[in-house]
Structures are given as structure tokens and as C-alpha cells.
Amino acid sequence: MMRSASVSRRTAETDVAVSIALDGTGKAEISTGVGFLDHMLELFARHGLFDLTVKVTGDLHVDQHHTTEDTGIALGQAILKALGDKKGITRYADIHLPMDETLTRVALDISGRPFLVFRTSFPTEKIGVFDTELVREFFQAFAVQAGLTLHVETLYGENSHHIAESCFKGLARALRQAVAMDPREEGRVPSTKGTL
């Protein structure tokens, strides 16, 4: 069974189309108009082994905020849709992700109870022309729409690019584990409640 989904989201600010296959090979076709976000989503797909297509037209004449946030919203919605009834998934996962001098911990629960703890700060306000505060905006939008309890904490780091990259790679690797099918949970939702 191929777990995949597509989501389209159009507002007065952005037009976003996302397609994802959870059991993919890491292929990515990304075009958001925001170079750094494209880079982060490409490595998210590669390290999560998700096949991911993202196409966005946004109000970049204003800034990159709406494009980044709305991409997070649509990607979260697509992942939630692709998970279906969540029967057989591993559900929980965590990882410590090193990126040169940086170490970030990502822990998540596909709980259906959206919550973000984001304990990461950046030594600079920008990575190139990308506002570093938008990393948190993306993670917030993504966690809420995917229904994740998501904890991201950079334990240490000095380079803003490395810090952001460790967050996205950590999310990819943890999510890859959490969405994986657990043969011992076959046909069951991994919850005593019977639903997530």
C-alpha cells in the first residue's frame, strides 16, 4: 500500500501545491521561490526518504513569511492525509542530529494533539536573505497541521545555516522512523484509546 497524498491551498497571499509519498526514495521537486526553503525541503525529502513535490507562488514582494508558513501548513496537511487511519505506524521517534559544530535533538509523537516546543536560537537574523525567525514559523505551521507533538531543541551550535539544517534533517529522520510501519502493530492504531 502506497501512503501518499496531495494538497492544494490557495489564499490571497499564496498558491501552494504539495504531493508526498511517505514510502519513497527521497526524490524531490521543490520550487517555492525561496532558495533557502527549497534547500531545506530537498534535504527533508532526502533524509526522510519521502518523495516530495512542492510548488508555491507567493507574495515575495512583501517578504518570505507567507510562503514559508503556508508551505509548512500544506506539507503538514499532506502528511496527515497520507497517514490515513495511522494503523500500524511506529508513532514515536527521536534523534540527535549533528551538523558540524551543531547538535539538535528532535522528538515527536504522531499524537493528533498538535504542540510545538522549539528551543532553538540563531546567532544571526538572516541566512543569506532568509529570515531565521521563519524556521520556527515553518515548524509551528507544520506541527499543527500534521497533528504532531514536536520538540526541537538545539543543544549547541554557532552557525545559523548549520542550526537550521540540523532542525530540518532531524525532523526528517525522526518522522521517517515515526511513520514507519511496525509489523507488531499490524492493523492496530498504536494507542490504548484506539485512535490518534
N, C-alpha and C. Protein backbone atom coordinates (compact mmCIF):
# COMPACT_ATOMS: atom_id res chain seq x y z
N MET A 1 0.85 -1.19 0.00
CA MET A 1 0.00 0.00 0.00
C MET A 1 0.89 1.25 0.00
N MET A 2 0.71 2.08 -0.99
CA MET A 2 1.50 3.32 -1.09
C MET A 2 0.78 4.40 -0.31
N ARG A 3 1.45 4.94 0.70
CA ARG A 3 0.86 6.01 1.51
C ARG A 3 1.28 7.34 0.91
N SER A 4 0.34 7.98 0.23
CA SER A 4 0.66 9.24 -0.44
C SER A 4 -0.55 10.16 -0.40
N ALA A 5 -0.29 11.44 -0.65
CA ALA A 5 -1.38 12.42 -0.64
C ALA A 5 -0.93 13.68 -1.36
N SER A 6 -1.92 14.42 -1.83
CA SER A 6 -1.68 15.73 -2.44
C SER A 6 -2.61 16.73 -1.79
N VAL A 7 -2.11 17.95 -1.63
CA VAL A 7 -2.88 19.03 -1.03
C VAL A 7 -2.63 20.29 -1.85
N SER A 8 -3.69 21.01 -2.12
CA SER A 8 -3.59 22.34 -2.74
C SER A 8 -4.21 23.35 -1.79
N ARG A 9 -3.55 24.48 -1.66
CA ARG A 9 -4.02 25.52 -0.75
C ARG A 9 -3.80 26.88 -1.40
N ARG A 10 -4.89 27.60 -1.63
CA ARG A 10 -4.79 28.90 -2.28
C ARG A 10 -5.40 29.96 -1.38
N THR A 11 -4.66 31.03 -1.17
CA THR A 11 -5.16 32.20 -0.43
C THR A 11 -4.84 33.44 -1.25
N ALA A 12 -5.18 34.60 -0.70
CA ALA A 12 -4.84 35.86 -1.38
C ALA A 12 -3.33 36.10 -1.36
N GLU A 13 -2.59 35.34 -0.53
CA GLU A 13 -1.15 35.55 -0.37
C GLU A 13 -0.30 34.50 -1.07
N THR A 14 -0.80 33.25 -1.13
CA THR A 14 -0.01 32.16 -1.70
C THR A 14 -0.89 31.16 -2.45
N ASP A 15 -0.24 30.42 -3.32
CA ASP A 15 -0.85 29.28 -4.01
C ASP A 15 0.14 28.13 -3.85
N VAL A 16 -0.25 27.13 -3.06
CA VAL A 16 0.67 26.05 -2.68
C VAL A 16 0.10 24.71 -3.14
N ALA A 17 0.95 23.89 -3.76
CA ALA A 17 0.59 22.52 -4.12
C ALA A 17 1.69 21.59 -3.61
N VAL A 18 1.28 20.59 -2.82
CA VAL A 18 2.22 19.64 -2.23
C VAL A 18 1.75 18.22 -2.51
N SER A 19 2.67 17.37 -2.92
CA SER A 19 2.42 15.94 -3.05
C SER A 19 3.52 15.21 -2.32
N ILE A 20 3.15 14.17 -1.55
CA ILE A 20 4.15 13.41 -0.81
C ILE A 20 3.80 11.93 -0.83
N ALA A 21 4.85 11.12 -0.95
CA ALA A 21 4.75 9.68 -0.76
C ALA A 21 5.65 9.34 0.42
N LEU A 22 5.05 8.79 1.47
CA LEU A 22 5.81 8.52 2.69
C LEU A 22 6.81 7.38 2.50
N ASP A 23 6.48 6.44 1.62
CA ASP A 23 7.34 5.27 1.41
C ASP A 23 8.11 5.42 0.11
N GLY A 24 8.83 6.52 0.00
CA GLY A 24 9.51 6.84 -1.24
C GLY A 24 10.99 6.55 -1.19
N THR A 25 11.73 7.30 -2.02
CA THR A 25 13.17 7.11 -2.12
C THR A 25 13.95 8.40 -1.88
N GLY A 26 13.22 9.48 -1.59
CA GLY A 26 13.90 10.75 -1.32
C GLY A 26 13.95 11.68 -2.50
N LYS A 27 13.16 11.41 -3.56
CA LYS A 27 13.12 12.30 -4.71
C LYS A 27 12.41 13.59 -4.36
N ALA A 28 12.92 14.70 -4.85
CA ALA A 28 12.31 16.00 -4.52
C ALA A 28 12.26 16.89 -5.75
N GLU A 29 11.12 17.52 -5.93
CA GLU A 29 10.97 18.59 -6.91
C GLU A 29 10.37 19.77 -6.16
N ILE A 30 11.21 20.74 -5.84
CA ILE A 30 10.82 21.83 -4.95
C ILE A 30 10.99 23.17 -5.66
N SER A 31 9.95 23.98 -5.62
CA SER A 31 10.03 25.33 -6.17
C SER A 31 9.10 26.24 -5.37
N THR A 32 9.68 26.90 -4.36
CA THR A 32 8.88 27.80 -3.51
C THR A 32 9.15 29.27 -3.83
N GLY A 33 10.22 29.54 -4.57
CA GLY A 33 10.63 30.92 -4.79
C GLY A 33 11.55 31.43 -3.69
N VAL A 34 11.75 30.61 -2.66
CA VAL A 34 12.63 30.96 -1.53
C VAL A 34 13.77 29.93 -1.54
N GLY A 35 14.94 30.35 -1.99
CA GLY A 35 16.04 29.43 -2.19
C GLY A 35 16.41 28.61 -0.97
N PHE A 36 16.50 29.26 0.19
CA PHE A 36 16.90 28.52 1.38
C PHE A 36 15.83 27.51 1.79
N LEU A 37 14.55 27.87 1.65
CA LEU A 37 13.47 26.94 1.97
C LEU A 37 13.51 25.75 1.01
N ASP A 38 13.76 26.01 -0.26
CA ASP A 38 13.91 24.91 -1.22
C ASP A 38 14.99 23.94 -0.76
N HIS A 39 16.12 24.47 -0.35
CA HIS A 39 17.24 23.65 0.13
C HIS A 39 16.82 22.80 1.34
N MET A 40 16.11 23.39 2.29
CA MET A 40 15.68 22.66 3.48
C MET A 40 14.68 21.56 3.13
N LEU A 41 13.78 21.84 2.21
CA LEU A 41 12.77 20.84 1.83
C LEU A 41 13.39 19.71 1.01
N GLU A 42 14.40 20.03 0.20
CA GLU A 42 15.11 18.98 -0.55
C GLU A 42 15.79 18.01 0.40
N LEU A 43 16.46 18.54 1.43
CA LEU A 43 17.13 17.63 2.37
C LEU A 43 16.13 16.94 3.28
N PHE A 44 14.98 17.58 3.56
CA PHE A 44 13.91 16.92 4.30
C PHE A 44 13.43 15.68 3.55
N ALA A 45 13.21 15.82 2.25
CA ALA A 45 12.78 14.69 1.43
C ALA A 45 13.84 13.60 1.39
N ARG A 46 15.09 14.00 1.16
CA ARG A 46 16.18 13.03 1.03
C ARG A 46 16.40 12.23 2.30
N HIS A 47 16.42 12.92 3.44
CA HIS A 47 16.72 12.22 4.70
C HIS A 47 15.51 11.52 5.29
N GLY A 48 14.32 11.93 4.88
CA GLY A 48 13.11 11.22 5.31
C GLY A 48 12.75 10.09 4.37
N LEU A 49 13.43 10.02 3.21
CA LEU A 49 13.08 9.09 2.13
C LEU A 49 11.63 9.27 1.70
N PHE A 50 11.21 10.53 1.66
CA PHE A 50 9.89 10.90 1.16
C PHE A 50 10.05 11.38 -0.28
N ASP A 51 9.14 10.96 -1.15
CA ASP A 51 9.08 11.57 -2.48
C ASP A 51 8.20 12.79 -2.35
N LEU A 52 8.76 13.96 -2.65
CA LEU A 52 8.09 15.22 -2.33
C LEU A 52 8.13 16.18 -3.51
N THR A 53 6.95 16.69 -3.84
CA THR A 53 6.84 17.76 -4.83
C THR A 53 6.17 18.95 -4.17
N VAL A 54 6.79 20.11 -4.26
CA VAL A 54 6.24 21.34 -3.69
C VAL A 54 6.36 22.44 -4.73
N LYS A 55 5.24 23.06 -5.04
CA LYS A 55 5.23 24.20 -5.96
C LYS A 55 4.46 25.33 -5.30
N VAL A 56 5.10 26.48 -5.17
CA VAL A 56 4.50 27.62 -4.47
C VAL A 56 4.67 28.89 -5.28
N THR A 57 3.60 29.66 -5.37
CA THR A 57 3.67 31.03 -5.84
C THR A 57 3.21 31.89 -4.68
N GLY A 58 4.06 32.78 -4.21
CA GLY A 58 3.73 33.58 -3.04
C GLY A 58 4.01 35.06 -3.22
N ASP A 59 3.56 35.82 -2.25
CA ASP A 59 3.72 37.29 -2.29
C ASP A 59 5.12 37.69 -1.82
N LEU A 60 6.12 37.25 -2.55
CA LEU A 60 7.51 37.51 -2.17
C LEU A 60 7.88 38.97 -2.28
N HIS A 61 7.05 39.76 -2.95
CA HIS A 61 7.29 41.21 -2.98
C HIS A 61 7.06 41.82 -1.60
N VAL A 62 6.30 41.10 -0.74
CA VAL A 62 6.08 41.55 0.65
C VAL A 62 7.25 41.07 1.50
N ASP A 63 7.38 39.74 1.63
CA ASP A 63 8.52 39.09 2.28
C ASP A 63 8.34 37.59 2.10
N GLN A 64 9.13 36.79 2.82
CA GLN A 64 9.09 35.33 2.66
C GLN A 64 8.21 34.64 3.70
N HIS A 65 7.58 35.42 4.56
CA HIS A 65 6.83 34.86 5.68
C HIS A 65 5.67 33.99 5.21
N HIS A 66 4.78 34.55 4.40
CA HIS A 66 3.57 33.81 4.00
C HIS A 66 3.93 32.55 3.21
N THR A 67 4.91 32.65 2.34
CA THR A 67 5.33 31.50 1.55
C THR A 67 5.85 30.38 2.45
N THR A 68 6.69 30.73 3.41
CA THR A 68 7.27 29.74 4.31
C THR A 68 6.20 29.11 5.19
N GLU A 69 5.38 29.93 5.82
CA GLU A 69 4.35 29.42 6.72
C GLU A 69 3.32 28.56 5.97
N ASP A 70 2.87 29.04 4.81
CA ASP A 70 1.84 28.31 4.07
C ASP A 70 2.37 27.00 3.49
N THR A 71 3.66 26.97 3.19
CA THR A 71 4.27 25.71 2.76
C THR A 71 4.27 24.71 3.91
N GLY A 72 4.58 25.18 5.11
CA GLY A 72 4.51 24.31 6.29
C GLY A 72 3.11 23.79 6.54
N ILE A 73 2.11 24.65 6.36
CA ILE A 73 0.71 24.24 6.54
C ILE A 73 0.35 23.14 5.56
N ALA A 74 0.63 23.36 4.28
CA ALA A 74 0.24 22.39 3.25
C ALA A 74 1.01 21.07 3.39
N LEU A 75 2.29 21.14 3.73
CA LEU A 75 3.08 19.92 3.91
C LEU A 75 2.54 19.12 5.10
N GLY A 76 2.23 19.81 6.19
CA GLY A 76 1.64 19.12 7.34
C GLY A 76 0.33 18.45 6.99
N GLN A 77 -0.53 19.14 6.25
CA GLN A 77 -1.81 18.58 5.83
C GLN A 77 -1.62 17.35 4.95
N ALA A 78 -0.64 17.41 4.05
CA ALA A 78 -0.38 16.28 3.15
C ALA A 78 0.10 15.06 3.93
N ILE A 79 0.97 15.27 4.90
CA ILE A 79 1.46 14.15 5.70
C ILE A 79 0.33 13.54 6.51
N LEU A 80 -0.50 14.36 7.12
CA LEU A 80 -1.64 13.84 7.88
C LEU A 80 -2.56 13.02 6.99
N LYS A 81 -2.83 13.52 5.81
CA LYS A 81 -3.70 12.81 4.85
C LYS A 81 -3.07 11.49 4.41
N ALA A 82 -1.76 11.51 4.15
CA ALA A 82 -1.07 10.29 3.71
C ALA A 82 -1.04 9.22 4.79
N LEU A 83 -1.04 9.63 6.04
CA LEU A 83 -1.02 8.66 7.15
C LEU A 83 -2.33 7.91 7.30
N GLY A 84 -3.40 8.45 6.77
CA GLY A 84 -4.69 7.77 6.83
C GLY A 84 -5.13 7.50 8.26
N ASP A 85 -5.51 6.24 8.54
CA ASP A 85 -6.01 5.89 9.88
C ASP A 85 -4.89 5.62 10.88
N LYS A 86 -3.65 5.69 10.43
CA LYS A 86 -2.44 5.54 11.26
C LYS A 86 -2.26 4.12 11.81
N LYS A 87 -3.01 3.18 11.31
CA LYS A 87 -2.85 1.80 11.78
C LYS A 87 -1.47 1.28 11.41
N GLY A 88 -0.80 0.68 12.38
CA GLY A 88 0.48 0.04 12.15
C GLY A 88 1.71 0.92 12.21
N ILE A 89 1.53 2.24 12.40
CA ILE A 89 2.72 3.11 12.42
C ILE A 89 3.49 2.96 13.73
N THR A 90 4.75 3.35 13.70
CA THR A 90 5.59 3.31 14.90
C THR A 90 5.17 4.38 15.90
N ARG A 91 4.76 5.53 15.42
CA ARG A 91 4.20 6.67 16.17
C ARG A 91 5.25 7.56 16.81
N TYR A 92 6.11 7.05 17.66
CA TYR A 92 7.09 7.87 18.38
C TYR A 92 8.47 7.74 17.75
N ALA A 93 9.25 8.81 17.79
CA ALA A 93 10.65 8.72 17.36
C ALA A 93 11.42 9.93 17.88
N ASP A 94 12.71 9.75 18.00
CA ASP A 94 13.58 10.88 18.36
C ASP A 94 14.96 10.64 17.79
N ILE A 95 15.71 11.72 17.67
CA ILE A 95 17.07 11.63 17.13
C ILE A 95 17.89 12.81 17.64
N HIS A 96 19.17 12.59 17.80
CA HIS A 96 20.14 13.66 17.97
C HIS A 96 20.84 13.80 16.63
N LEU A 97 20.75 14.98 16.04
CA LEU A 97 21.27 15.18 14.68
C LEU A 97 22.46 16.14 14.72
N PRO A 98 23.67 15.65 14.43
CA PRO A 98 24.83 16.54 14.38
C PRO A 98 24.99 17.18 13.01
N MET A 99 25.41 18.42 13.00
CA MET A 99 25.77 19.11 11.76
C MET A 99 26.99 19.95 12.08
N ASP A 100 28.16 19.39 11.83
CA ASP A 100 29.42 20.02 12.19
C ASP A 100 29.43 20.40 13.67
N GLU A 101 29.49 21.68 13.99
CA GLU A 101 29.59 22.11 15.40
C GLU A 101 28.25 22.12 16.12
N THR A 102 27.17 21.82 15.41
CA THR A 102 25.81 21.93 15.93
C THR A 102 25.25 20.56 16.27
N LEU A 103 24.47 20.50 17.36
CA LEU A 103 23.76 19.27 17.72
C LEU A 103 22.33 19.64 18.09
N THR A 104 21.37 19.03 17.40
CA THR A 104 19.95 19.30 17.63
C THR A 104 19.24 17.99 17.95
N ARG A 105 18.36 18.06 18.94
CA ARG A 105 17.53 16.92 19.32
C ARG A 105 16.11 17.17 18.81
N VAL A 106 15.55 16.18 18.12
CA VAL A 106 14.16 16.25 17.65
C VAL A 106 13.44 15.02 18.18
N ALA A 107 12.33 15.23 18.85
CA ALA A 107 11.49 14.14 19.33
C ALA A 107 10.06 14.44 18.92
N LEU A 108 9.35 13.39 18.46
CA LEU A 108 7.98 13.64 18.03
C LEU A 108 7.07 12.46 18.31
N ASP A 109 5.79 12.79 18.35
CA ASP A 109 4.72 11.84 18.57
C ASP A 109 3.62 12.17 17.57
N ILE A 110 3.26 11.21 16.74
CA ILE A 110 2.14 11.40 15.82
C ILE A 110 0.88 11.18 16.63
N SER A 111 0.55 12.16 17.41
CA SER A 111 -0.43 12.03 18.50
C SER A 111 -1.83 12.50 18.14
N GLY A 112 -1.94 13.35 17.13
CA GLY A 112 -3.22 14.01 16.88
C GLY A 112 -3.45 15.18 17.82
N ARG A 113 -2.47 15.46 18.68
CA ARG A 113 -2.54 16.59 19.61
C ARG A 113 -1.39 17.54 19.27
N PRO A 114 -1.64 18.51 18.39
CA PRO A 114 -0.56 19.37 17.92
C PRO A 114 0.05 20.22 19.04
N PHE A 115 1.37 20.19 19.11
CA PHE A 115 2.07 21.01 20.08
C PHE A 115 3.52 21.13 19.63
N LEU A 116 4.05 22.34 19.70
CA LEU A 116 5.46 22.55 19.34
C LEU A 116 6.21 23.15 20.51
N VAL A 117 7.33 22.52 20.85
CA VAL A 117 8.34 23.11 21.72
C VAL A 117 9.55 23.35 20.83
N PHE A 118 9.96 24.61 20.69
CA PHE A 118 11.05 24.96 19.79
C PHE A 118 12.08 25.75 20.57
N ARG A 119 13.10 25.06 21.06
CA ARG A 119 14.15 25.69 21.84
C ARG A 119 15.41 25.77 21.00
N THR A 120 15.34 26.64 20.03
CA THR A 120 16.45 26.85 19.11
C THR A 120 16.58 28.34 18.87
N SER A 121 17.79 28.83 18.94
CA SER A 121 18.03 30.24 18.64
C SER A 121 19.14 30.33 17.62
N PHE A 122 19.15 31.46 16.92
CA PHE A 122 20.10 31.67 15.83
C PHE A 122 20.99 32.86 16.15
N PRO A 123 22.28 32.75 15.89
CA PRO A 123 23.19 33.87 16.18
C PRO A 123 23.04 35.03 15.19
N THR A 124 22.39 34.78 14.06
CA THR A 124 22.19 35.84 13.08
C THR A 124 20.70 35.95 12.75
N GLU A 125 20.28 37.11 12.27
CA GLU A 125 18.88 37.31 11.90
C GLU A 125 18.56 36.75 10.53
N LYS A 126 19.59 36.54 9.71
CA LYS A 126 19.37 36.06 8.35
C LYS A 126 20.37 34.98 7.98
N ILE A 127 19.93 34.08 7.09
CA ILE A 127 20.81 33.13 6.41
C ILE A 127 20.70 33.53 4.94
N GLY A 128 21.68 34.23 4.44
CA GLY A 128 21.53 34.87 3.13
C GLY A 128 20.46 35.94 3.25
N VAL A 129 19.36 35.76 2.50
CA VAL A 129 18.24 36.72 2.58
C VAL A 129 17.07 36.13 3.35
N PHE A 130 17.23 34.91 3.90
CA PHE A 130 16.16 34.22 4.61
C PHE A 130 16.16 34.61 6.08
N ASP A 131 15.00 35.05 6.59
CA ASP A 131 14.87 35.41 8.00
C ASP A 131 14.88 34.16 8.86
N THR A 132 15.81 34.08 9.80
CA THR A 132 15.92 32.87 10.62
C THR A 132 14.69 32.65 11.49
N GLU A 133 13.94 33.69 11.84
CA GLU A 133 12.74 33.50 12.64
C GLU A 133 11.69 32.68 11.89
N LEU A 134 11.82 32.57 10.57
CA LEU A 134 10.86 31.81 9.78
C LEU A 134 11.02 30.30 9.95
N VAL A 135 12.16 29.85 10.46
CA VAL A 135 12.32 28.42 10.73
C VAL A 135 11.27 27.98 11.75
N ARG A 136 11.13 28.73 12.82
CA ARG A 136 10.11 28.39 13.82
C ARG A 136 8.71 28.49 13.24
N GLU A 137 8.45 29.50 12.41
CA GLU A 137 7.13 29.65 11.80
C GLU A 137 6.78 28.42 10.96
N PHE A 138 7.74 27.91 10.22
CA PHE A 138 7.52 26.71 9.42
C PHE A 138 7.19 25.53 10.33
N PHE A 139 8.00 25.31 11.36
CA PHE A 139 7.80 24.17 12.25
C PHE A 139 6.45 24.26 12.97
N GLN A 140 6.05 25.46 13.38
CA GLN A 140 4.76 25.64 14.05
C GLN A 140 3.61 25.26 13.12
N ALA A 141 3.63 25.80 11.91
CA ALA A 141 2.58 25.50 10.94
C ALA A 141 2.54 24.02 10.62
N PHE A 142 3.70 23.43 10.42
CA PHE A 142 3.81 22.02 10.08
C PHE A 142 3.27 21.12 11.20
N ALA A 143 3.71 21.37 12.43
CA ALA A 143 3.30 20.53 13.56
C ALA A 143 1.79 20.58 13.78
N VAL A 144 1.22 21.77 13.70
CA VAL A 144 -0.22 21.92 13.92
C VAL A 144 -1.01 21.16 12.86
N GLN A 145 -0.65 21.33 11.61
CA GLN A 145 -1.42 20.71 10.53
C GLN A 145 -1.19 19.21 10.41
N ALA A 146 -0.01 18.73 10.78
CA ALA A 146 0.28 17.29 10.74
C ALA A 146 -0.23 16.58 11.97
N GLY A 147 -0.64 17.34 12.99
CA GLY A 147 -1.13 16.73 14.23
C GLY A 147 -0.03 16.11 15.06
N LEU A 148 1.13 16.76 15.06
CA LEU A 148 2.29 16.23 15.78
C LEU A 148 2.52 16.94 17.10
N THR A 149 2.93 16.19 18.10
CA THR A 149 3.61 16.77 19.24
C THR A 149 5.09 16.75 18.86
N LEU A 150 5.68 17.93 18.76
CA LEU A 150 7.03 18.05 18.18
C LEU A 150 7.91 18.89 19.09
N HIS A 151 9.03 18.31 19.50
CA HIS A 151 10.02 19.00 20.32
C HIS A 151 11.31 19.13 19.52
N VAL A 152 11.79 20.36 19.38
CA VAL A 152 13.03 20.63 18.66
C VAL A 152 13.90 21.48 19.58
N GLU A 153 15.09 20.99 19.88
CA GLU A 153 15.99 21.74 20.75
C GLU A 153 17.41 21.63 20.23
N THR A 154 18.00 22.78 19.93
CA THR A 154 19.41 22.79 19.54
C THR A 154 20.23 22.90 20.82
N LEU A 155 21.00 21.86 21.08
CA LEU A 155 21.76 21.79 22.33
C LEU A 155 22.96 22.73 22.28
N TYR A 156 23.56 22.87 21.11
CA TYR A 156 24.60 23.86 20.90
C TYR A 156 24.84 24.02 19.41
N GLY A 157 25.40 25.15 19.05
CA GLY A 157 25.68 25.44 17.65
C GLY A 157 26.06 26.90 17.49
N GLU A 158 26.82 27.20 16.46
CA GLU A 158 27.32 28.55 16.24
C GLU A 158 26.94 29.13 14.88
N ASN A 159 26.70 28.27 13.90
CA ASN A 159 26.44 28.71 12.53
C ASN A 159 24.95 28.59 12.24
N SER A 160 24.32 29.68 11.84
CA SER A 160 22.87 29.69 11.64
C SER A 160 22.42 28.69 10.58
N HIS A 161 23.18 28.58 9.50
CA HIS A 161 22.84 27.61 8.45
C HIS A 161 22.86 26.20 9.01
N HIS A 162 23.90 25.87 9.76
CA HIS A 162 24.01 24.53 10.35
C HIS A 162 22.88 24.27 11.34
N ILE A 163 22.53 25.27 12.11
CA ILE A 163 21.45 25.10 13.09
C ILE A 163 20.13 24.80 12.38
N ALA A 164 19.80 25.59 11.38
CA ALA A 164 18.55 25.36 10.63
C ALA A 164 18.58 23.99 9.96
N GLU A 165 19.68 23.66 9.34
CA GLU A 165 19.79 22.38 8.64
C GLU A 165 19.66 21.21 9.59
N SER A 166 20.23 21.32 10.77
CA SER A 166 20.11 20.23 11.74
C SER A 166 18.67 20.06 12.20
N CYS A 167 17.91 21.14 12.27
CA CYS A 167 16.49 21.05 12.64
C CYS A 167 15.68 20.32 11.58
N PHE A 168 15.88 20.69 10.31
CA PHE A 168 15.13 20.06 9.22
C PHE A 168 15.55 18.61 9.00
N LYS A 169 16.85 18.35 9.07
CA LYS A 169 17.31 16.96 8.93
C LYS A 169 16.83 16.11 10.10
N GLY A 170 16.86 16.68 11.30
CA GLY A 170 16.37 15.96 12.47
C GLY A 170 14.90 15.64 12.35
N LEU A 171 14.11 16.61 11.87
CA LEU A 171 12.68 16.37 11.64
C LEU A 171 12.49 15.24 10.64
N ALA A 172 13.24 15.27 9.55
CA ALA A 172 13.11 14.25 8.51
C ALA A 172 13.42 12.86 9.05
N ARG A 173 14.53 12.75 9.76
CA ARG A 173 14.95 11.44 10.27
C ARG A 173 13.99 10.91 11.35
N ALA A 174 13.53 11.77 12.22
CA ALA A 174 12.58 11.33 13.25
C ALA A 174 11.24 10.96 12.63
N LEU A 175 10.77 11.77 11.69
CA LEU A 175 9.48 11.48 11.06
C LEU A 175 9.56 10.19 10.25
N ARG A 176 10.68 9.98 9.59
CA ARG A 176 10.88 8.72 8.84
C ARG A 176 10.69 7.51 9.75
N GLN A 177 11.24 7.58 10.97
CA GLN A 177 11.09 6.48 11.92
C GLN A 177 9.65 6.37 12.43
N ALA A 178 9.03 7.51 12.72
CA ALA A 178 7.70 7.50 13.33
C ALA A 178 6.62 7.02 12.37
N VAL A 179 6.75 7.32 11.07
CA VAL A 179 5.74 6.89 10.11
C VAL A 179 5.98 5.46 9.63
N ALA A 180 7.14 4.90 9.95
CA ALA A 180 7.46 3.54 9.51
C ALA A 180 6.44 2.55 10.08
N MET A 181 6.14 1.54 9.27
CA MET A 181 5.20 0.52 9.70
C MET A 181 5.90 -0.44 10.67
N ASP A 182 5.22 -0.73 11.77
CA ASP A 182 5.72 -1.67 12.78
C ASP A 182 4.96 -2.98 12.59
N PRO A 183 5.63 -4.04 12.16
CA PRO A 183 4.92 -5.29 11.89
C PRO A 183 4.17 -5.85 13.11
N ARG A 184 4.62 -5.51 14.30
CA ARG A 184 3.95 -5.99 15.51
C ARG A 184 2.65 -5.23 15.79
N GLU A 185 2.50 -4.07 15.15
CA GLU A 185 1.28 -3.26 15.31
C GLU A 185 0.31 -3.45 14.13
N GLU A 186 0.56 -4.44 13.30
CA GLU A 186 -0.22 -4.61 12.08
C GLU A 186 -1.72 -4.55 12.34
N GLY A 187 -2.36 -3.60 11.63
CA GLY A 187 -3.80 -3.47 11.73
C GLY A 187 -4.30 -2.77 12.98
N ARG A 188 -3.39 -2.32 13.82
CA ARG A 188 -3.79 -1.65 15.06
C ARG A 188 -3.27 -0.23 15.10
N VAL A 189 -4.06 0.66 15.69
CA VAL A 189 -3.60 2.02 15.96
C VAL A 189 -2.77 1.97 17.24
N PRO A 190 -1.55 2.54 17.24
CA PRO A 190 -0.68 2.44 18.42
C PRO A 190 -1.13 3.38 19.56
N SER A 191 -2.28 3.07 20.12
CA SER A 191 -2.81 3.86 21.22
C SER A 191 -3.81 3.01 21.99
N THR A 192 -3.82 3.15 23.32
CA THR A 192 -4.82 2.44 24.12
C THR A 192 -6.22 3.00 23.88
N LYS A 193 -6.30 4.21 23.32
CA LYS A 193 -7.61 4.81 23.01
C LYS A 193 -8.23 4.23 21.75
N GLY A 194 -7.38 3.63 20.91
CA GLY A 194 -7.88 3.08 19.67
C GLY A 194 -7.93 4.07 18.54
N THR A 195 -7.51 5.31 18.80
CA THR A 195 -7.49 6.33 17.76
C THR A 195 -6.41 7.35 18.06
N LEU A 196 -5.92 7.99 17.00
CA LEU A 196 -4.93 9.07 17.16
C LEU A 196 -5.44 10.30 16.42
